[in-house]
């Protein structure tokens, strides 16, 4: 029935800042960028190496995230990485605050969290 996650949609407060964060800092490939004049908004399709995608939207007047991080609904977005220490070092060298690396007591895998420019919790999970 379900095969994979095709995409995750994210609404941002500052399109240029979030576009740079996801496409330049996190190095996601830009697939398509569309400006929708009738909505005065952008839609940016970004691709990860496994072909899953993030859709980045700008909507004027979108409300802020209601609480951090335990609001009902999507809690966080997790990215698989081969070497979590290398990825954390890269993010910190680029001015991103990253929580200390922890070990999942169920899987014994390393993980940590950081935030996108709007405070959306993002996780790194070493595979």
C-alpha atoms as a PDB file:
ATOM      1  CA  UNK A   1       0.000   0.000   0.000  1.00  0.00           C
ATOM      2  CA  UNK A   2       2.224   2.887   1.185  1.00  0.00           C
ATOM      3  CA  UNK A   3       5.666   2.892  -0.412  1.00  0.00           C
ATOM      4  CA  UNK A   4       7.576   5.794   1.120  1.00  0.00           C
ATOM      5  CA  UNK A   5       7.252   9.392   2.219  1.00  0.00           C
ATOM      6  CA  UNK A   6       7.091  11.431  -0.967  1.00  0.00           C
ATOM      7  CA  UNK A   7       7.354  14.890   0.574  1.00  0.00           C
ATOM      8  CA  UNK A   8       6.968  16.984   3.691  1.00  0.00           C
ATOM      9  CA  UNK A   9       5.500  20.489   3.430  1.00  0.00           C
ATOM     10  CA  UNK A  10       6.913  23.320   5.547  1.00  0.00           C
ATOM     11  CA  UNK A  11       5.519  26.854   5.795  1.00  0.00           C
ATOM     12  CA  UNK A  12       8.189  29.434   6.595  1.00  0.00           C
ATOM     13  CA  UNK A  13       8.065  33.015   7.845  1.00  0.00           C
ATOM     14  CA  UNK A  14      11.017  34.358   5.818  1.00  0.00           C
ATOM     15  CA  UNK A  15      11.244  32.664   2.426  1.00  0.00           C
ATOM     16  CA  UNK A  16      14.745  33.856   1.482  1.00  0.00           C
ATOM     17  CA  UNK A  17      16.210  32.827   4.841  1.00  0.00           C
ATOM     18  CA  UNK A  18      14.564  29.391   4.768  1.00  0.00           C
ATOM     19  CA  UNK A  19      15.462  28.830   1.110  1.00  0.00           C
ATOM     20  CA  UNK A  20      19.131  29.473   1.936  1.00  0.00           C
ATOM     21  CA  UNK A  21      18.953  27.244   5.028  1.00  0.00           C
ATOM     22  CA  UNK A  22      17.516  24.222   3.215  1.00  0.00           C
ATOM     23  CA  UNK A  23      19.182  24.591  -0.193  1.00  0.00           C
ATOM     24  CA  UNK A  24      22.590  25.980   0.750  1.00  0.00           C
ATOM     25  CA  UNK A  25      23.284  24.960   4.354  1.00  0.00           C
ATOM     26  CA  UNK A  26      21.525  21.563   4.270  1.00  0.00           C
ATOM     27  CA  UNK A  27      22.457  21.160   0.581  1.00  0.00           C
ATOM     28  CA  UNK A  28      19.074  19.942  -0.644  1.00  0.00           C
ATOM     29  CA  UNK A  29      18.698  20.058  -4.420  1.00  0.00           C
ATOM     30  CA  UNK A  30      16.281  22.650  -5.783  1.00  0.00           C
ATOM     31  CA  UNK A  31      13.899  20.869  -8.147  1.00  0.00           C
ATOM     32  CA  UNK A  32      11.472  23.680  -8.899  1.00  0.00           C
ATOM     33  CA  UNK A  33      10.699  27.162  -7.610  1.00  0.00           C
ATOM     34  CA  UNK A  34       7.308  28.698  -8.309  1.00  0.00           C
ATOM     35  CA  UNK A  35       6.004  32.149  -7.470  1.00  0.00           C
ATOM     36  CA  UNK A  36       2.218  32.218  -7.262  1.00  0.00           C
ATOM     37  CA  UNK A  37       1.211  35.817  -7.930  1.00  0.00           C
ATOM     38  CA  UNK A  38      -2.432  35.331  -6.942  1.00  0.00           C
ATOM     39  CA  UNK A  39      -1.279  34.228  -3.458  1.00  0.00           C
ATOM     40  CA  UNK A  40       1.875  36.363  -3.291  1.00  0.00           C
ATOM     41  CA  UNK A  41       3.686  33.224  -2.194  1.00  0.00           C
ATOM     42  CA  UNK A  42       6.453  30.864  -3.192  1.00  0.00           C
ATOM     43  CA  UNK A  43       6.619  27.086  -3.415  1.00  0.00           C
ATOM     44  CA  UNK A  44      10.087  25.572  -3.486  1.00  0.00           C
ATOM     45  CA  UNK A  45      10.530  21.859  -4.175  1.00  0.00           C
ATOM     46  CA  UNK A  46      13.719  20.453  -2.652  1.00  0.00           C
ATOM     47  CA  UNK A  47      15.034  16.911  -3.156  1.00  0.00           C
ATOM     48  CA  UNK A  48      17.037  14.703  -0.810  1.00  0.00           C
ATOM     49  CA  UNK A  49      19.424  12.047  -2.179  1.00  0.00           C
ATOM     50  CA  UNK A  50      16.784   9.294  -1.764  1.00  0.00           C
ATOM     51  CA  UNK A  51      14.386  11.351  -3.968  1.00  0.00           C
ATOM     52  CA  UNK A  52      12.072  12.287  -1.094  1.00  0.00           C
ATOM     53  CA  UNK A  53      11.218  15.965  -1.120  1.00  0.00           C
ATOM     54  CA  UNK A  54      10.531  18.959   1.064  1.00  0.00           C
ATOM     55  CA  UNK A  55       8.061  21.542  -0.178  1.00  0.00           C
ATOM     56  CA  UNK A  56       8.868  24.951   1.265  1.00  0.00           C
ATOM     57  CA  UNK A  57       5.997  27.443   1.208  1.00  0.00           C
ATOM     58  CA  UNK A  58       5.688  31.123   2.042  1.00  0.00           C
ATOM     59  CA  UNK A  59       2.236  32.377   3.043  1.00  0.00           C
ATOM     60  CA  UNK A  60       1.700  35.935   4.238  1.00  0.00           C
ATOM     61  CA  UNK A  61       0.304  36.041   7.763  1.00  0.00           C
ATOM     62  CA  UNK A  62       0.764  32.354   8.541  1.00  0.00           C
ATOM     63  CA  UNK A  63       0.529  31.810  12.327  1.00  0.00           C
ATOM     64  CA  UNK A  64       3.565  30.739  14.343  1.00  0.00           C
ATOM     65  CA  UNK A  65       4.040  27.188  15.592  1.00  0.00           C
ATOM     66  CA  UNK A  66       1.778  26.862  18.680  1.00  0.00           C
ATOM     67  CA  UNK A  67       4.314  25.305  21.074  1.00  0.00           C
ATOM     68  CA  UNK A  68       7.692  23.723  21.131  1.00  0.00           C
ATOM     69  CA  UNK A  69       7.975  20.802  20.485  1.00  0.00           C
ATOM     70  CA  UNK A  70       4.996  19.002  21.957  1.00  0.00           C
ATOM     71  CA  UNK A  71       2.086  20.482  19.979  1.00  0.00           C
ATOM     72  CA  UNK A  72      -0.260  17.914  18.523  1.00  0.00           C
ATOM     73  CA  UNK A  73       0.613  16.937  14.988  1.00  0.00           C
ATOM     74  CA  UNK A  74       4.031  16.571  13.411  1.00  0.00           C
ATOM     75  CA  UNK A  75       6.640  16.689  16.178  1.00  0.00           C
ATOM     76  CA  UNK A  76       9.834  16.889  14.124  1.00  0.00           C
ATOM     77  CA  UNK A  77      11.439  15.942  10.828  1.00  0.00           C
ATOM     78  CA  UNK A  78      14.368  13.500  11.027  1.00  0.00           C
ATOM     79  CA  UNK A  79      17.195  13.215   8.513  1.00  0.00           C
ATOM     80  CA  UNK A  80      19.333  10.072   8.230  1.00  0.00           C
ATOM     81  CA  UNK A  81      23.089  10.682   8.229  1.00  0.00           C
ATOM     82  CA  UNK A  82      26.086   8.369   7.941  1.00  0.00           C
ATOM     83  CA  UNK A  83      28.285  10.216  10.455  1.00  0.00           C
ATOM     84  CA  UNK A  84      26.427  12.326  12.982  1.00  0.00           C
ATOM     85  CA  UNK A  85      29.584  13.868  14.483  1.00  0.00           C
ATOM     86  CA  UNK A  86      30.735  15.162  11.081  1.00  0.00           C
ATOM     87  CA  UNK A  87      27.270  16.583  10.340  1.00  0.00           C
ATOM     88  CA  UNK A  88      27.006  18.255  13.761  1.00  0.00           C
ATOM     89  CA  UNK A  89      30.461  19.782  13.307  1.00  0.00           C
ATOM     90  CA  UNK A  90      29.454  21.131   9.865  1.00  0.00           C
ATOM     91  CA  UNK A  91      26.241  22.677  11.235  1.00  0.00           C
ATOM     92  CA  UNK A  92      27.995  24.232  14.236  1.00  0.00           C
ATOM     93  CA  UNK A  93      30.742  25.630  11.977  1.00  0.00           C
ATOM     94  CA  UNK A  94      27.929  27.323  10.043  1.00  0.00           C
ATOM     95  CA  UNK A  95      26.366  28.926  13.112  1.00  0.00           C
ATOM     96  CA  UNK A  96      23.622  26.388  13.848  1.00  0.00           C
ATOM     97  CA  UNK A  97      22.993  25.490  17.487  1.00  0.00           C
ATOM     98  CA  UNK A  98      22.851  21.711  17.846  1.00  0.00           C
ATOM     99  CA  UNK A  99      21.897  19.804  20.972  1.00  0.00           C
ATOM    100  CA  UNK A 100      24.410  17.312  22.399  1.00  0.00           C
ATOM    101  CA  UNK A 101      24.451  13.948  20.653  1.00  0.00           C
ATOM    102  CA  UNK A 102      22.470  11.300  22.507  1.00  0.00           C
ATOM    103  CA  UNK A 103      22.043   7.552  22.116  1.00  0.00           C
ATOM    104  CA  UNK A 104      18.559   6.137  21.557  1.00  0.00           C
ATOM    105  CA  UNK A 105      18.095   3.659  24.410  1.00  0.00           C
ATOM    106  CA  UNK A 106      15.964   1.394  22.215  1.00  0.00           C
ATOM    107  CA  UNK A 107      17.995   1.295  18.972  1.00  0.00           C
ATOM    108  CA  UNK A 108      21.423   2.292  20.358  1.00  0.00           C
ATOM    109  CA  UNK A 109      21.716   4.768  17.461  1.00  0.00           C
ATOM    110  CA  UNK A 110      23.088   8.303  17.839  1.00  0.00           C
ATOM    111  CA  UNK A 111      20.736  11.252  17.334  1.00  0.00           C
ATOM    112  CA  UNK A 112      20.441  14.958  18.028  1.00  0.00           C
ATOM    113  CA  UNK A 113      18.222  17.936  17.313  1.00  0.00           C
ATOM    114  CA  UNK A 114      18.585  21.404  15.813  1.00  0.00           C
ATOM    115  CA  UNK A 115      16.075  23.940  14.474  1.00  0.00           C
ATOM    116  CA  UNK A 116      15.300  25.479  11.126  1.00  0.00           C
ATOM    117  CA  UNK A 117      15.043  29.309  10.948  1.00  0.00           C
ATOM    118  CA  UNK A 118      11.434  29.196  12.222  1.00  0.00           C
ATOM    119  CA  UNK A 119      12.174  26.898  15.134  1.00  0.00           C
ATOM    120  CA  UNK A 120      10.903  23.719  13.470  1.00  0.00           C
ATOM    121  CA  UNK A 121      12.655  20.846  15.273  1.00  0.00           C
ATOM    122  CA  UNK A 122      14.895  18.852  12.937  1.00  0.00           C
ATOM    123  CA  UNK A 123      16.616  15.637  13.949  1.00  0.00           C
ATOM    124  CA  UNK A 124      19.796  13.990  12.746  1.00  0.00           C
ATOM    125  CA  UNK A 125      19.732  10.207  13.109  1.00  0.00           C
ATOM    126  CA  UNK A 126      22.819   8.142  12.392  1.00  0.00           C
ATOM    127  CA  UNK A 127      22.052   5.075  10.276  1.00  0.00           C
END
